C-alpha atoms as a PDB file:
ATOM      1  CA  MET A   1     -74.625 -11.119   7.529  1.00  0.00           C
ATOM      2  CA  PHE A   2     -73.989 -11.403  11.241  1.00  0.00           C
ATOM      3  CA  LEU A   3     -76.652 -11.716  13.916  1.00  0.00           C
ATOM      4  CA  VAL A   4     -75.338  -9.975  17.011  1.00  0.00           C
ATOM      5  CA  TYR A   5     -77.152 -10.547  20.291  1.00  0.00           C
ATOM      6  CA  PRO A   6     -77.969  -7.542  22.454  1.00  0.00           C
ATOM      7  CA  PRO A   7     -75.826  -7.390  25.591  1.00  0.00           C
ATOM      8  CA  GLY A   8     -77.135  -9.550  28.422  1.00  0.00           C
ATOM      9  CA  ASN A   9     -79.551 -11.697  26.386  1.00  0.00           C
ATOM     10  CA  ILE A  10     -77.331 -14.531  25.246  1.00  0.00           C
ATOM     11  CA  GLY A  11     -76.503 -15.651  28.782  1.00  0.00           C
ATOM     12  CA  THR A  12     -80.158 -15.994  29.728  1.00  0.00           C
ATOM     13  CA  GLU A  13     -80.945 -17.963  26.589  1.00  0.00           C
ATOM     14  CA  ILE A  14     -78.007 -20.334  27.048  1.00  0.00           C
ATOM     15  CA  VAL A  15     -78.904 -20.994  30.696  1.00  0.00           C
ATOM     16  CA  GLY A  16     -82.495 -21.641  29.626  1.00  0.00           C
ATOM     17  CA  LEU A  17     -81.340 -24.056  26.937  1.00  0.00           C
ATOM     18  CA  PHE A  18     -79.266 -26.027  29.443  1.00  0.00           C
ATOM     19  CA  PHE A  19     -82.233 -26.110  31.837  1.00  0.00           C
ATOM     20  CA  MET A  20     -84.436 -27.401  29.022  1.00  0.00           C
ATOM     21  CA  LEU A  21     -81.770 -29.964  28.094  1.00  0.00           C
ATOM     22  CA  LEU A  22     -81.736 -31.246  31.660  1.00  0.00           C
ATOM     23  CA  LEU A  23     -85.536 -31.462  31.753  1.00  0.00           C
ATOM     24  CA  GLN A  24     -85.610 -33.290  28.404  1.00  0.00           C
ATOM     25  CA  TYR A  25     -83.005 -35.796  29.603  1.00  0.00           C
ATOM     26  CA  VAL A  26     -84.926 -36.570  32.793  1.00  0.00           C
ATOM     27  CA  LYS A  27     -88.220 -36.763  30.879  1.00  0.00           C
ATOM     28  CA  ILE A  28     -86.875 -39.174  28.268  1.00  0.00           C
ATOM     29  CA  ASN A  29     -85.281 -41.401  30.913  1.00  0.00           C
ATOM     30  CA  ASN A  30     -88.569 -41.435  32.830  1.00  0.00           C
ATOM     31  CA  ALA A  31     -90.502 -42.381  29.700  1.00  0.00           C
ATOM     32  CA  ASN A  32     -87.967 -45.090  28.872  1.00  0.00           C
ATOM     33  CA  THR A  33     -88.235 -46.568  32.359  1.00  0.00           C
ATOM     34  CA  ALA A  34     -92.019 -46.301  32.273  1.00  0.00           C
ATOM     35  CA  ASN A  35     -92.270 -48.202  29.018  1.00  0.00           C
ATOM     36  CA  LYS A  36     -89.943 -50.959  30.208  1.00  0.00           C
ATOM     37  CA  THR A  37     -91.502 -51.446  33.651  1.00  0.00           C
ATOM     38  CA  GLU A  38     -95.104 -50.496  32.792  1.00  0.00           C
ATOM     39  CA  LEU A  39     -95.446 -48.390  35.922  1.00  0.00           C
ATOM     40  CA  LYS A  40     -98.090 -45.660  35.849  1.00  0.00           C
ATOM     41  CA  ALA A  41     -96.193 -43.365  38.217  1.00  0.00           C
ATOM     42  CA  TYR A  42     -93.333 -42.908  35.765  1.00  0.00           C
ATOM     43  CA  HIS A  43     -95.773 -41.943  33.024  1.00  0.00           C
ATOM     44  CA  ILE A  44     -97.301 -39.366  35.346  1.00  0.00           C
ATOM     45  CA  TYR A  45     -93.814 -37.971  36.007  1.00  0.00           C
ATOM     46  CA  THR A  46     -93.207 -37.872  32.269  1.00  0.00           C
ATOM     47  CA  ILE A  47     -96.356 -35.793  31.816  1.00  0.00           C
ATOM     48  CA  LEU A  48     -95.315 -33.496  34.665  1.00  0.00           C
ATOM     49  CA  TYR A  49     -91.891 -32.978  33.072  1.00  0.00           C
ATOM     50  CA  SER A  50     -93.460 -32.354  29.654  1.00  0.00           C
ATOM     51  CA  ILE A  51     -95.320 -29.274  30.893  1.00  0.00           C
ATOM     52  CA  PRO A  52     -92.218 -27.191  31.766  1.00  0.00           C
ATOM     53  CA  VAL A  53     -90.522 -28.344  28.556  1.00  0.00           C
ATOM     54  CA  ALA A  54     -93.524 -27.084  26.574  1.00  0.00           C
ATOM     55  CA  PHE A  55     -93.232 -23.751  28.412  1.00  0.00           C
ATOM     56  CA  CYS A  56     -89.534 -23.625  27.523  1.00  0.00           C
ATOM     57  CA  TYR A  57     -90.452 -24.052  23.856  1.00  0.00           C
ATOM     58  CA  PHE A  58     -93.088 -21.340  24.329  1.00  0.00           C
ATOM     59  CA  PHE A  59     -90.441 -19.032  25.797  1.00  0.00           C
ATOM     60  CA  TYR A  60     -88.038 -19.594  22.927  1.00  0.00           C
ATOM     61  CA  PHE A  61     -90.796 -19.210  20.371  1.00  0.00           C
ATOM     62  CA  TYR A  62     -92.139 -15.894  21.626  1.00  0.00           C
ATOM     63  CA  SER A  63     -89.261 -14.173  23.371  1.00  0.00           C
ATOM     64  CA  GLN A  64     -86.114 -15.074  21.523  1.00  0.00           C
ATOM     65  CA  VAL A  65     -84.066 -12.265  20.094  1.00  0.00           C
ATOM     66  CA  TYR A  66     -84.092 -13.348  16.437  1.00  0.00           C
ATOM     67  CA  HIS A  67     -87.014 -15.266  14.981  1.00  0.00           C
ATOM     68  CA  LEU A  68     -85.291 -17.338  12.350  1.00  0.00           C
ATOM     69  CA  THR A  69     -87.391 -19.730  10.284  1.00  0.00           C
ATOM     70  CA  PHE A  70     -85.326 -22.684  11.489  1.00  0.00           C
ATOM     71  CA  ASP A  71     -85.920 -21.744  15.151  1.00  0.00           C
ATOM     72  CA  ILE A  72     -89.645 -21.465  14.553  1.00  0.00           C
ATOM     73  CA  PHE A  73     -89.737 -24.942  12.993  1.00  0.00           C
ATOM     74  CA  LEU A  74     -87.710 -26.368  15.878  1.00  0.00           C
ATOM     75  CA  CYS A  75     -90.139 -24.923  18.427  1.00  0.00           C
ATOM     76  CA  ILE A  76     -93.140 -26.247  16.510  1.00  0.00           C
ATOM     77  CA  PHE A  77     -91.565 -29.712  16.272  1.00  0.00           C
ATOM     78  CA  GLY A  78     -90.814 -29.563  19.995  1.00  0.00           C
ATOM     79  CA  TRP A  79     -94.450 -28.758  20.774  1.00  0.00           C
ATOM     80  CA  VAL A  80     -95.644 -31.570  18.523  1.00  0.00           C
ATOM     81  CA  PHE A  81     -93.348 -34.076  20.232  1.00  0.00           C
ATOM     82  CA  CYS A  82     -94.354 -32.840  23.704  1.00  0.00           C
ATOM     83  CA  ALA A  83     -98.012 -33.219  22.789  1.00  0.00           C
ATOM     84  CA  ALA A  84     -97.377 -36.699  21.377  1.00  0.00           C
ATOM     85  CA  GLU A  85     -95.491 -37.752  24.512  1.00  0.00           C
ATOM     86  CA  ILE A  86     -98.319 -36.511  26.716  1.00  0.00           C
ATOM     87  CA  LEU A  87    -100.908 -38.266  24.560  1.00  0.00           C
ATOM     88  CA  PHE A  88     -99.008 -41.566  24.479  1.00  0.00           C
ATOM     89  CA  SER A  89     -98.335 -41.376  28.215  1.00  0.00           C
ATOM     90  CA  LEU A  90    -102.043 -40.885  28.893  1.00  0.00           C
ATOM     91  CA  ILE A  91    -102.904 -43.801  26.632  1.00  0.00           C
ATOM     92  CA  SER A  92    -100.323 -45.958  28.407  1.00  0.00           C
ATOM     93  CA  ILE A  93    -101.651 -44.986  31.840  1.00  0.00           C
ATOM     94  CA  PHE A  94    -105.139 -46.144  30.915  1.00  0.00           C
ATOM     95  CA  THR A  95    -104.044 -49.356  29.186  1.00  0.00           C
ATOM     96  CA  PHE A  96    -101.546 -50.678  31.767  1.00  0.00           C
ATOM     97  CA  LYS A  97    -102.947 -53.140  34.262  1.00  0.00           C
END
């Protein structure tokens, strides 16, 4: 069984995946720096980067061409990790001196 993408859709999805990859990389580096330096500003940036990443997962969950079970689980895990990062960043903001 082959899953063939409709013409014109695969390019948009690949560009979106690379955009999400870039956002994830910047977000994880910000969170890493924030945890090492205990600066509140970096945690705020991490939260601000988590919002577009969550929207990217929303896009791929609701508007992808083929809804495979594996893709659905990946999007759900992505949302869970985004929510956990936001929660832990908020906790860190309030506990840092």
